[in-house]
Amino acid sequence: MCSFDVVEISKALLTPLIAIVATYIAWQQWQTNRQKLSFDLYERRLKVYEQVRRILSIIVRDAKASYDELLKFRAAVSEADFLFGPEIVKYIDEI
């Protein structure tokens, strides 16, 4: 009878244990996805930053930028509205 009780207790504890493990795995996946989103956002912001530096270096070097360079710049930073706050977007528009 004692071994029967141990088996029943083990069965009863198995369901909550599985639930705890599943919850932990879901939490780990959420953390990983959050970090990936942060990294992806960083990469996209870095691309915009590099384009701003590129156009500013052209302007400083030549004291002007060609129309084609400005069109390329505008296309390269077009998603800045979604990546940055309004003050950065305003600064990019001023360039």
N, C-alpha and C. Protein backbone atom coordinates (compact mmCIF):
# COMPACT_ATOMS: atom_id res chain seq x y z
N MET A 1 0.81 -1.19 0.00
CA MET A 1 0.00 0.00 0.00
C MET A 1 0.86 1.26 0.00
N CYS A 2 2.02 1.20 0.61
CA CYS A 2 2.91 2.36 0.69
C CYS A 2 3.43 2.74 -0.70
N SER A 3 3.79 1.75 -1.52
CA SER A 3 4.28 2.05 -2.87
C SER A 3 3.17 2.65 -3.73
N PHE A 4 1.93 2.24 -3.48
CA PHE A 4 0.80 2.81 -4.20
C PHE A 4 0.66 4.30 -3.89
N ASP A 5 0.85 4.68 -2.62
CA ASP A 5 0.77 6.08 -2.23
C ASP A 5 1.87 6.92 -2.89
N VAL A 6 3.06 6.36 -2.98
CA VAL A 6 4.16 7.07 -3.61
C VAL A 6 3.87 7.30 -5.09
N VAL A 7 3.32 6.32 -5.77
CA VAL A 7 2.99 6.45 -7.19
C VAL A 7 1.91 7.51 -7.38
N GLU A 8 0.91 7.51 -6.54
CA GLU A 8 -0.18 8.50 -6.65
C GLU A 8 0.33 9.90 -6.36
N ILE A 9 1.19 10.04 -5.38
CA ILE A 9 1.76 11.36 -5.06
C ILE A 9 2.63 11.84 -6.23
N SER A 10 3.41 10.92 -6.80
CA SER A 10 4.26 11.28 -7.95
C SER A 10 3.41 11.73 -9.14
N LYS A 11 2.31 11.03 -9.38
CA LYS A 11 1.41 11.42 -10.47
C LYS A 11 0.82 12.81 -10.20
N ALA A 12 0.46 13.06 -8.96
CA ALA A 12 -0.15 14.35 -8.61
C ALA A 12 0.85 15.49 -8.74
N LEU A 13 2.11 15.23 -8.45
CA LEU A 13 3.13 16.28 -8.52
C LEU A 13 3.66 16.49 -9.94
N LEU A 14 3.46 15.54 -10.82
CA LEU A 14 3.99 15.64 -12.17
C LEU A 14 3.33 16.76 -12.97
N THR A 15 2.03 16.92 -12.86
CA THR A 15 1.32 17.97 -13.61
C THR A 15 1.79 19.37 -13.23
N PRO A 16 1.86 19.72 -11.93
CA PRO A 16 2.38 21.05 -11.60
C PRO A 16 3.84 21.24 -12.01
N LEU A 17 4.63 20.18 -11.95
CA LEU A 17 6.03 20.28 -12.36
C LEU A 17 6.13 20.59 -13.85
N ILE A 18 5.32 19.93 -14.65
CA ILE A 18 5.30 20.19 -16.09
C ILE A 18 4.85 21.63 -16.36
N ALA A 19 3.86 22.09 -15.62
CA ALA A 19 3.39 23.47 -15.78
C ALA A 19 4.49 24.47 -15.42
N ILE A 20 5.24 24.20 -14.38
CA ILE A 20 6.33 25.10 -13.97
C ILE A 20 7.42 25.12 -15.02
N VAL A 21 7.79 23.97 -15.56
CA VAL A 21 8.81 23.90 -16.59
C VAL A 21 8.35 24.62 -17.86
N ALA A 22 7.10 24.42 -18.24
CA ALA A 22 6.57 25.09 -19.43
C ALA A 22 6.55 26.60 -19.24
N THR A 23 6.20 27.06 -18.05
CA THR A 23 6.19 28.49 -17.76
C THR A 23 7.60 29.06 -17.84
N TYR A 24 8.57 28.33 -17.31
CA TYR A 24 9.95 28.78 -17.36
C TYR A 24 10.45 28.88 -18.80
N ILE A 25 10.11 27.90 -19.62
CA ILE A 25 10.53 27.92 -21.03
C ILE A 25 9.88 29.10 -21.75
N ALA A 26 8.61 29.35 -21.48
CA ALA A 26 7.92 30.48 -22.11
C ALA A 26 8.56 31.80 -21.68
N TRP A 27 8.93 31.91 -20.43
CA TRP A 27 9.57 33.14 -19.92
C TRP A 27 10.93 33.33 -20.59
N GLN A 28 11.70 32.26 -20.75
CA GLN A 28 13.00 32.34 -21.42
C GLN A 28 12.84 32.78 -22.88
N GLN A 29 11.83 32.25 -23.55
CA GLN A 29 11.58 32.65 -24.94
C GLN A 29 11.19 34.12 -25.02
N TRP A 30 10.40 34.58 -24.08
CA TRP A 30 10.01 35.99 -24.05
C TRP A 30 11.24 36.87 -23.85
N GLN A 31 12.14 36.48 -22.94
CA GLN A 31 13.37 37.24 -22.70
C GLN A 31 14.22 37.27 -23.96
N THR A 32 14.36 36.14 -24.63
CA THR A 32 15.17 36.06 -25.85
C THR A 32 14.58 36.94 -26.95
N ASN A 33 13.28 36.89 -27.11
CA ASN A 33 12.62 37.71 -28.14
C ASN A 33 12.77 39.20 -27.83
N ARG A 34 12.68 39.55 -26.57
CA ARG A 34 12.84 40.96 -26.18
C ARG A 34 14.26 41.44 -26.48
N GLN A 35 15.26 40.61 -26.20
CA GLN A 35 16.65 40.97 -26.49
C GLN A 35 16.89 41.06 -28.00
N LYS A 36 16.28 40.16 -28.76
CA LYS A 36 16.44 40.20 -30.21
C LYS A 36 15.80 41.46 -30.78
N LEU A 37 14.65 41.84 -30.27
CA LEU A 37 14.01 43.07 -30.72
C LEU A 37 14.89 44.27 -30.42
N SER A 38 15.47 44.30 -29.24
CA SER A 38 16.36 45.39 -28.88
C SER A 38 17.58 45.44 -29.80
N PHE A 39 18.15 44.28 -30.10
CA PHE A 39 19.30 44.23 -31.00
C PHE A 39 18.93 44.67 -32.41
N ASP A 40 17.79 44.20 -32.92
CA ASP A 40 17.35 44.59 -34.25
C ASP A 40 17.10 46.10 -34.34
N LEU A 41 16.51 46.65 -33.29
CA LEU A 41 16.28 48.09 -33.25
C LEU A 41 17.61 48.84 -33.25
N TYR A 42 18.57 48.34 -32.49
CA TYR A 42 19.90 48.96 -32.47
C TYR A 42 20.53 48.94 -33.85
N GLU A 43 20.46 47.82 -34.55
CA GLU A 43 21.05 47.73 -35.88
C GLU A 43 20.41 48.72 -36.86
N ARG A 44 19.11 48.84 -36.79
CA ARG A 44 18.42 49.76 -37.71
C ARG A 44 18.75 51.21 -37.38
N ARG A 45 18.84 51.52 -36.09
CA ARG A 45 19.22 52.88 -35.70
C ARG A 45 20.66 53.17 -36.10
N LEU A 46 21.52 52.18 -35.99
CA LEU A 46 22.92 52.37 -36.37
C LEU A 46 23.04 52.69 -37.86
N LYS A 47 22.25 52.05 -38.68
CA LYS A 47 22.28 52.33 -40.12
C LYS A 47 21.90 53.78 -40.40
N VAL A 48 20.88 54.27 -39.72
CA VAL A 48 20.48 55.67 -39.90
C VAL A 48 21.60 56.59 -39.42
N TYR A 49 22.19 56.28 -38.29
CA TYR A 49 23.29 57.08 -37.75
C TYR A 49 24.46 57.14 -38.74
N GLU A 50 24.79 55.99 -39.32
CA GLU A 50 25.90 55.95 -40.29
C GLU A 50 25.59 56.80 -41.52
N GLN A 51 24.35 56.82 -41.95
CA GLN A 51 23.98 57.64 -43.11
C GLN A 51 24.05 59.13 -42.77
N VAL A 52 23.65 59.48 -41.56
CA VAL A 52 23.75 60.89 -41.14
C VAL A 52 25.22 61.31 -41.10
N ARG A 53 26.05 60.45 -40.54
CA ARG A 53 27.50 60.76 -40.50
C ARG A 53 28.06 60.88 -41.92
N ARG A 54 27.63 60.01 -42.81
CA ARG A 54 28.15 60.03 -44.18
C ARG A 54 27.79 61.35 -44.87
N ILE A 55 26.52 61.76 -44.78
CA ILE A 55 26.12 62.99 -45.47
C ILE A 55 26.76 64.21 -44.83
N LEU A 56 26.90 64.20 -43.50
CA LEU A 56 27.54 65.33 -42.84
C LEU A 56 29.03 65.40 -43.20
N SER A 57 29.68 64.27 -43.35
CA SER A 57 31.09 64.31 -43.75
C SER A 57 31.24 64.83 -45.17
N ILE A 58 30.30 64.50 -46.04
CA ILE A 58 30.33 65.03 -47.41
C ILE A 58 30.13 66.53 -47.38
N ILE A 59 29.19 66.99 -46.57
CA ILE A 59 28.91 68.43 -46.49
C ILE A 59 30.11 69.17 -45.90
N VAL A 60 30.72 68.63 -44.88
CA VAL A 60 31.88 69.29 -44.26
C VAL A 60 33.06 69.30 -45.23
N ARG A 61 33.26 68.20 -45.94
CA ARG A 61 34.39 68.09 -46.86
C ARG A 61 34.24 69.02 -48.06
N ASP A 62 33.05 69.00 -48.68
CA ASP A 62 32.84 69.73 -49.93
C ASP A 62 32.09 71.04 -49.75
N ALA A 63 31.57 71.29 -48.58
CA ALA A 63 30.76 72.47 -48.27
C ALA A 63 29.44 72.46 -49.04
N LYS A 64 29.07 71.32 -49.59
CA LYS A 64 27.79 71.16 -50.26
C LYS A 64 27.57 69.68 -50.50
N ALA A 65 26.34 69.33 -50.83
CA ALA A 65 26.01 67.95 -51.18
C ALA A 65 25.21 67.99 -52.48
N SER A 66 25.48 67.06 -53.35
CA SER A 66 24.75 67.02 -54.62
C SER A 66 23.31 66.57 -54.38
N TYR A 67 22.49 66.85 -55.35
CA TYR A 67 21.08 66.47 -55.27
C TYR A 67 20.94 64.95 -55.17
N ASP A 68 21.75 64.23 -55.94
CA ASP A 68 21.71 62.76 -55.90
C ASP A 68 22.09 62.23 -54.52
N GLU A 69 23.12 62.82 -53.91
CA GLU A 69 23.53 62.39 -52.57
C GLU A 69 22.42 62.65 -51.56
N LEU A 70 21.75 63.77 -51.69
CA LEU A 70 20.65 64.08 -50.77
C LEU A 70 19.47 63.14 -50.97
N LEU A 71 19.20 62.76 -52.22
CA LEU A 71 18.13 61.79 -52.47
C LEU A 71 18.47 60.43 -51.88
N LYS A 72 19.72 60.00 -52.05
CA LYS A 72 20.15 58.74 -51.45
C LYS A 72 20.05 58.80 -49.93
N PHE A 73 20.45 59.92 -49.37
CA PHE A 73 20.38 60.10 -47.92
C PHE A 73 18.94 60.02 -47.44
N ARG A 74 18.06 60.71 -48.12
CA ARG A 74 16.65 60.72 -47.70
C ARG A 74 16.04 59.32 -47.77
N ALA A 75 16.39 58.58 -48.81
CA ALA A 75 15.88 57.21 -48.92
C ALA A 75 16.46 56.31 -47.82
N ALA A 76 17.74 56.52 -47.49
CA ALA A 76 18.40 55.67 -46.49
C ALA A 76 17.87 55.93 -45.08
N VAL A 77 17.41 57.14 -44.81
CA VAL A 77 16.94 57.47 -43.45
C VAL A 77 15.42 57.58 -43.38
N SER A 78 14.74 57.05 -44.37
CA SER A 78 13.28 57.20 -44.42
C SER A 78 12.56 56.53 -43.26
N GLU A 79 13.14 55.52 -42.66
CA GLU A 79 12.47 54.85 -41.54
C GLU A 79 12.80 55.47 -40.19
N ALA A 80 13.51 56.57 -40.19
CA ALA A 80 13.87 57.24 -38.93
C ALA A 80 12.63 57.67 -38.15
N ASP A 81 11.54 57.96 -38.85
CA ASP A 81 10.30 58.35 -38.17
C ASP A 81 9.83 57.27 -37.21
N PHE A 82 10.10 56.02 -37.55
CA PHE A 82 9.63 54.90 -36.73
C PHE A 82 10.64 54.47 -35.68
N LEU A 83 11.90 54.89 -35.84
CA LEU A 83 12.96 54.43 -34.96
C LEU A 83 13.35 55.42 -33.88
N PHE A 84 13.11 56.70 -34.13
CA PHE A 84 13.56 57.74 -33.21
C PHE A 84 12.40 58.63 -32.79
N GLY A 85 12.67 59.45 -31.82
CA GLY A 85 11.69 60.42 -31.36
C GLY A 85 11.63 61.61 -32.30
N PRO A 86 10.72 62.54 -32.04
CA PRO A 86 10.53 63.67 -32.96
C PRO A 86 11.73 64.60 -33.07
N GLU A 87 12.54 64.70 -32.02
CA GLU A 87 13.68 65.61 -32.08
C GLU A 87 14.74 65.13 -33.08
N ILE A 88 14.94 63.83 -33.18
CA ILE A 88 15.91 63.29 -34.14
C ILE A 88 15.37 63.41 -35.56
N VAL A 89 14.10 63.14 -35.72
CA VAL A 89 13.48 63.27 -37.05
C VAL A 89 13.57 64.72 -37.52
N LYS A 90 13.34 65.66 -36.63
CA LYS A 90 13.45 67.08 -36.97
C LYS A 90 14.88 67.41 -37.39
N TYR A 91 15.86 66.89 -36.66
CA TYR A 91 17.27 67.14 -36.99
C TYR A 91 17.61 66.58 -38.37
N ILE A 92 17.12 65.38 -38.67
CA ILE A 92 17.38 64.77 -39.98
C ILE A 92 16.72 65.60 -41.08
N ASP A 93 15.53 66.11 -40.83
CA ASP A 93 14.87 66.96 -41.82
C ASP A 93 15.66 68.25 -42.06
N GLU A 94 16.28 68.78 -41.03
CA GLU A 94 17.09 69.99 -41.19
C GLU A 94 18.32 69.75 -42.06
N ILE A 95 18.86 68.55 -41.96
CA ILE A 95 20.03 68.21 -42.79
C ILE A 95 19.62 68.24 -44.25
